[in-house]
Amino acid sequence: MILTDTHTHLYYETDPEKLSDLMQRSLDNKVCRLFLPNVDSESIPLVFGLSERYPNHCFPMLGLHPCDVKANYKAELDSISKEIAQRKVYSIGEIGIDLYWDKSTLSIQQEAFRTQIDWAKNLGLPIVIHCREAFDEILEILNELKDDKLRGIFHCFSGTLEQAHQVIGLGFYLGIGGVLTYKNSGLDKVIQDVSLEHLVLETDSPYLTPVPFRGKPNESSYLVYIAQKLADLKQVSLHEIAEVTTQNSRMVFGV
């Protein structure tokens, strides 16, 4: 059995021994494929440090997180673009729009999002989208730029069934994480009506820790609890969840 964590910031742990423990627990739980999104230029060395240490298990992605789109965003984009030109990456991400923390940066978030979508299309790569309180704004841009090259994952999907169908209709997968295990999130009811062929799994560690560890830092090894919850919902085996969602991740990332 192979589980794939399509979105983890495990590299935030900078103590080598603790990081080794995190990776070992992940591998022990059959979470053998970890996709690592950076957030800004400063996090790039951490992403590549972990992916170079575990080249058979960790796969780097690069982009500018919408919460890091600030006054210097053009310089940040330039730095990230130069790294992408020199290194192997598997996606542009995480990118998108976040209006939870700061609505005043919407216009530059939109510009940065469009720019990075263009990168992905030119490179033949998927995008991994961060969307927080900005579904309509993101959908507007995706509809504007949609073509046969636009594809990827809606990271941390927690929307309605109608929104799920809109995302799937654009050719994207839904990234399902710890929110699925939360009692009153409602995501379980939405996902019951979505086929497994449209889903990938993720932790977003160290955030959004699933039950039974909610309230503690998340880690990739906990993906198994999300997978088991999905198996229970779909009334299939954990092995089937692992097989289908890992195959979906291969379709997205090409590895």
Protein backbone atom coordinates (compact mmCIF):
# COMPACT_ATOMS: atom_id res chain seq x y z
CA MET A 1 0.00 0.00 0.00
CA ILE A 2 1.26 3.46 -0.95
CA LEU A 3 -0.39 6.65 0.31
CA THR A 4 0.40 10.01 -1.25
CA ASP A 5 0.41 13.29 0.67
CA THR A 6 -0.07 15.80 -2.14
CA HIS A 7 0.52 18.81 0.11
CA THR A 8 2.78 18.96 3.14
CA HIS A 9 5.11 21.55 4.66
CA LEU A 10 7.03 18.92 6.59
CA TYR A 11 10.22 20.87 5.85
CA TYR A 12 9.16 23.53 8.39
CA GLU A 13 10.80 21.25 10.94
CA THR A 14 14.44 22.31 10.77
CA ASP A 15 15.85 20.09 13.53
CA PRO A 16 17.51 17.23 11.54
CA GLU A 17 16.71 14.56 14.11
CA LYS A 18 13.06 15.59 14.48
CA LEU A 19 12.71 15.80 10.71
CA SER A 20 14.12 12.29 10.35
CA ASP A 21 11.57 11.08 12.90
CA LEU A 22 8.74 12.77 10.99
CA MET A 23 9.83 11.11 7.77
CA GLN A 24 10.24 7.71 9.39
CA ARG A 25 6.76 7.85 10.93
CA SER A 26 5.40 8.82 7.53
CA LEU A 27 7.08 5.89 5.81
CA ASP A 28 6.02 3.53 8.61
CA ASN A 29 2.40 4.54 7.91
CA LYS A 30 2.90 3.85 4.17
CA VAL A 31 2.83 7.55 3.32
CA CYS A 32 5.65 7.15 0.83
CA ARG A 33 5.06 10.05 -1.57
CA LEU A 34 5.17 13.63 -0.24
CA PHE A 35 4.72 16.71 -2.38
CA LEU A 36 6.29 19.84 -0.91
CA PRO A 37 4.99 23.32 -1.77
CA ASN A 38 7.08 26.31 -0.78
CA VAL A 39 5.46 29.60 0.26
CA ASP A 40 8.08 32.23 -0.63
CA SER A 41 11.69 32.55 -1.80
CA GLU A 42 13.10 31.96 1.69
CA SER A 43 11.43 28.56 1.98
CA ILE A 44 12.91 27.25 -1.28
CA PRO A 45 16.13 25.88 0.30
CA LEU A 46 14.07 24.01 2.89
CA VAL A 47 11.93 22.37 0.20
CA PHE A 48 14.93 21.26 -1.81
CA GLY A 49 16.87 20.26 1.29
CA LEU A 50 14.19 17.70 2.17
CA SER A 51 13.55 16.55 -1.40
CA GLU A 52 17.28 16.03 -2.02
CA ARG A 53 17.59 14.09 1.24
CA TYR A 54 14.68 11.81 0.29
CA PRO A 55 14.64 11.88 -3.53
CA ASN A 56 12.48 8.76 -3.83
CA HIS A 57 9.82 10.08 -1.47
CA CYS A 58 9.74 13.91 -1.59
CA PHE A 59 8.88 16.00 -4.63
CA PRO A 60 9.30 19.80 -4.77
CA MET A 61 6.77 22.37 -5.95
CA LEU A 62 7.43 26.10 -6.22
CA GLY A 63 5.19 29.15 -6.20
CA LEU A 64 4.35 32.28 -4.23
CA HIS A 65 1.68 31.73 -1.56
CA PRO A 66 -1.07 34.37 -1.78
CA CYS A 67 -0.49 35.41 1.85
CA ASP A 68 3.07 36.28 0.84
CA VAL A 69 1.99 38.47 -2.07
CA LYS A 70 3.03 41.82 -0.66
CA ALA A 71 4.64 45.04 -1.89
CA ASN A 72 7.75 43.16 -3.02
CA TYR A 73 5.81 40.43 -4.84
CA LYS A 74 7.39 41.09 -8.23
CA ALA A 75 10.87 40.57 -6.80
CA GLU A 76 9.63 37.40 -5.07
CA LEU A 77 8.14 36.10 -8.31
CA ASP A 78 11.39 36.85 -10.11
CA SER A 79 13.42 34.91 -7.52
CA ILE A 80 11.07 31.93 -7.65
CA SER A 81 10.98 31.98 -11.46
CA LYS A 82 14.78 31.79 -11.60
CA GLU A 83 14.78 28.77 -9.29
CA ILE A 84 12.15 27.03 -11.42
CA ALA A 85 14.32 27.57 -14.50
CA GLN A 86 17.22 25.78 -12.83
CA ARG A 87 15.51 22.96 -10.93
CA LYS A 88 13.11 20.09 -11.46
CA VAL A 89 9.71 20.85 -9.95
CA TYR A 90 6.46 18.95 -10.23
CA SER A 91 3.94 21.75 -9.90
CA ILE A 92 3.55 25.49 -9.50
CA GLY A 93 2.21 25.92 -6.02
CA GLU A 94 0.94 26.79 -3.75
CA ILE A 95 -0.64 29.76 -5.49
CA GLY A 96 -4.05 31.39 -5.45
CA ILE A 97 -6.03 34.01 -3.54
CA ASP A 98 -6.58 34.41 0.21
CA LEU A 99 -9.03 37.08 1.38
CA TYR A 100 -9.23 35.85 4.96
CA TRP A 101 -6.21 37.77 6.22
CA ASP A 102 -5.96 40.78 3.92
CA LYS A 103 -8.50 41.91 1.32
CA SER A 104 -6.48 45.01 0.44
CA THR A 105 -3.99 42.96 -1.63
CA LEU A 106 -6.63 41.39 -3.89
CA SER A 107 -5.46 43.11 -7.08
CA ILE A 108 -1.82 42.06 -6.69
CA GLN A 109 -2.87 38.58 -5.58
CA GLN A 110 -4.86 38.31 -8.81
CA GLU A 111 -1.88 39.48 -10.86
CA ALA A 112 0.50 37.05 -9.14
CA PHE A 113 -1.98 34.21 -9.65
CA ARG A 114 -2.31 34.92 -13.37
CA THR A 115 1.46 35.19 -13.77
CA GLN A 116 2.06 31.84 -12.12
CA ILE A 117 -0.68 30.13 -14.10
CA ASP A 118 1.18 31.29 -17.22
CA TRP A 119 4.38 29.73 -15.86
CA ALA A 120 2.62 26.42 -15.36
CA LYS A 121 1.11 26.40 -18.82
CA ASN A 122 4.42 27.24 -20.46
CA LEU A 123 6.16 24.48 -18.54
CA GLY A 124 3.39 21.91 -18.92
CA LEU A 125 2.96 21.71 -15.15
CA PRO A 126 -0.13 21.52 -12.92
CA ILE A 127 -0.97 24.21 -10.38
CA VAL A 128 -1.86 23.72 -6.72
CA ILE A 129 -4.41 26.31 -5.64
CA HIS A 130 -4.76 27.89 -2.20
CA CYS A 131 -8.29 29.29 -1.89
CA ARG A 132 -9.56 30.93 1.28
CA GLU A 133 -12.73 33.03 1.20
CA ALA A 134 -11.99 33.65 -2.48
CA PHE A 135 -13.75 30.91 -4.43
CA ASP A 136 -15.56 33.25 -6.83
CA GLU A 137 -12.44 35.34 -7.43
CA ILE A 138 -10.38 32.25 -8.22
CA LEU A 139 -13.06 30.70 -10.40
CA GLU A 140 -13.30 33.92 -12.43
CA ILE A 141 -9.58 33.74 -13.27
CA LEU A 142 -9.67 30.00 -14.01
CA ASN A 143 -12.61 30.45 -16.37
CA GLU A 144 -10.79 33.35 -18.02
CA LEU A 145 -7.60 31.31 -18.56
CA LYS A 146 -8.98 27.80 -19.03
CA ASP A 147 -7.62 25.68 -21.85
CA ASP A 148 -6.30 22.15 -22.26
CA LYS A 149 -3.11 23.09 -20.38
CA LEU A 150 -4.83 24.32 -17.21
CA ARG A 151 -5.00 21.57 -14.60
CA GLY A 152 -4.09 20.78 -11.01
CA ILE A 153 -5.45 20.51 -7.49
CA PHE A 154 -7.74 22.67 -5.37
CA HIS A 155 -5.76 22.33 -2.15
CA CYS A 156 -7.71 21.90 1.08
CA PHE A 157 -11.10 21.81 -0.59
CA SER A 158 -13.88 22.47 1.89
CA GLY A 159 -16.63 23.91 -0.29
CA THR A 160 -20.14 22.91 -1.31
CA LEU A 161 -21.15 20.14 -3.69
CA GLU A 162 -21.91 22.75 -6.34
CA GLN A 163 -18.42 24.20 -5.94
CA ALA A 164 -16.92 20.71 -6.10
CA HIS A 165 -18.65 20.13 -9.43
CA GLN A 166 -17.39 23.49 -10.73
CA VAL A 167 -13.81 22.58 -9.78
CA ILE A 168 -14.09 19.13 -11.35
CA GLY A 169 -15.64 20.66 -14.46
CA LEU A 170 -12.48 22.71 -14.92
CA GLY A 171 -10.40 19.52 -14.85
CA PHE A 172 -9.08 19.88 -11.31
CA TYR A 173 -8.83 17.37 -8.49
CA LEU A 174 -10.06 18.10 -4.97
CA GLY A 175 -7.39 17.99 -2.26
CA ILE A 176 -8.96 16.35 0.78
CA GLY A 177 -7.34 16.82 4.19
CA GLY A 178 -7.98 16.79 7.90
CA VAL A 179 -11.18 18.85 7.63
CA LEU A 180 -12.86 15.66 6.40
CA THR A 181 -12.50 14.22 9.92
CA TYR A 182 -14.04 17.22 11.71
CA LYS A 183 -17.46 16.47 13.12
CA ASN A 184 -19.31 19.59 11.97
CA SER A 185 -17.37 20.54 8.82
CA GLY A 186 -20.01 19.14 6.45
CA LEU A 187 -17.27 18.06 4.06
CA ASP A 188 -18.11 14.41 4.65
CA LYS A 189 -21.59 14.95 3.21
CA VAL A 190 -20.17 16.73 0.15
CA ILE A 191 -17.54 14.08 -0.53
CA GLN A 192 -20.08 11.26 -0.28
CA ASP A 193 -21.46 12.54 -3.59
CA VAL A 194 -18.08 12.96 -5.34
CA SER A 195 -16.41 10.06 -7.11
CA LEU A 196 -13.01 8.89 -5.87
CA GLU A 197 -11.60 9.51 -9.34
CA HIS A 198 -11.67 13.26 -8.57
CA LEU A 199 -9.93 13.15 -5.18
CA VAL A 200 -6.38 13.29 -3.86
CA LEU A 201 -5.27 13.24 -0.23
CA GLU A 202 -3.19 15.77 1.69
CA THR A 203 -2.29 16.82 5.22
CA ASP A 204 -1.13 20.44 4.83
CA SER A 205 1.08 19.64 7.80
CA PRO A 206 1.73 21.18 10.27
CA TYR A 207 -1.79 22.63 9.89
CA LEU A 208 -5.33 21.16 9.84
CA THR A 209 -4.51 18.15 11.98
CA PRO A 210 -7.07 15.36 11.63
CA VAL A 211 -8.97 13.68 14.44
CA PRO A 212 -7.78 12.08 16.75
CA PHE A 213 -4.81 14.49 16.95
CA ARG A 214 -6.68 17.75 16.35
CA GLY A 215 -5.13 20.57 18.36
CA LYS A 216 -1.62 19.20 17.94
CA PRO A 217 0.84 19.87 15.09
CA ASN A 218 -0.02 17.88 11.98
CA GLU A 219 2.42 15.59 10.16
CA SER A 220 2.35 13.50 7.00
CA SER A 221 2.08 10.22 8.90
CA TYR A 222 -1.43 11.29 9.94
CA LEU A 223 -2.60 11.02 6.33
CA VAL A 224 -3.67 7.49 7.15
CA TYR A 225 -6.47 8.86 9.39
CA ILE A 226 -7.82 10.98 6.54
CA ALA A 227 -7.61 8.01 4.18
CA GLN A 228 -9.44 5.79 6.67
CA LYS A 229 -12.21 8.37 7.11
CA LEU A 230 -12.63 8.49 3.33
CA ALA A 231 -12.65 4.68 3.19
CA ASP A 232 -15.40 4.61 5.83
CA LEU A 233 -17.45 7.19 3.91
CA LYS A 234 -17.10 5.34 0.61
CA GLN A 235 -17.46 1.92 2.24
CA VAL A 236 -14.32 0.60 0.58
CA SER A 237 -11.01 -0.65 1.92
CA LEU A 238 -8.12 1.56 2.96
CA HIS A 239 -6.05 -0.18 0.27
CA GLU A 240 -8.51 0.91 -2.42
CA ILE A 241 -8.42 4.51 -1.19
CA ALA A 242 -4.61 4.42 -1.28
CA GLU A 243 -4.54 2.89 -4.76
CA VAL A 244 -7.04 5.26 -6.35
CA THR A 245 -5.83 8.49 -4.75
CA THR A 246 -2.18 7.68 -5.41
CA GLN A 247 -3.00 6.92 -9.05
CA ASN A 248 -4.84 10.26 -9.22
CA SER A 249 -1.73 12.00 -7.86
CA ARG A 250 0.35 10.32 -10.58
CA MET A 251 -2.08 11.68 -13.16
CA VAL A 252 -1.62 15.19 -11.77
CA PHE A 253 2.11 15.28 -11.20
CA GLY A 254 3.37 12.79 -13.78
CA VAL A 255 5.41 10.86 -11.22
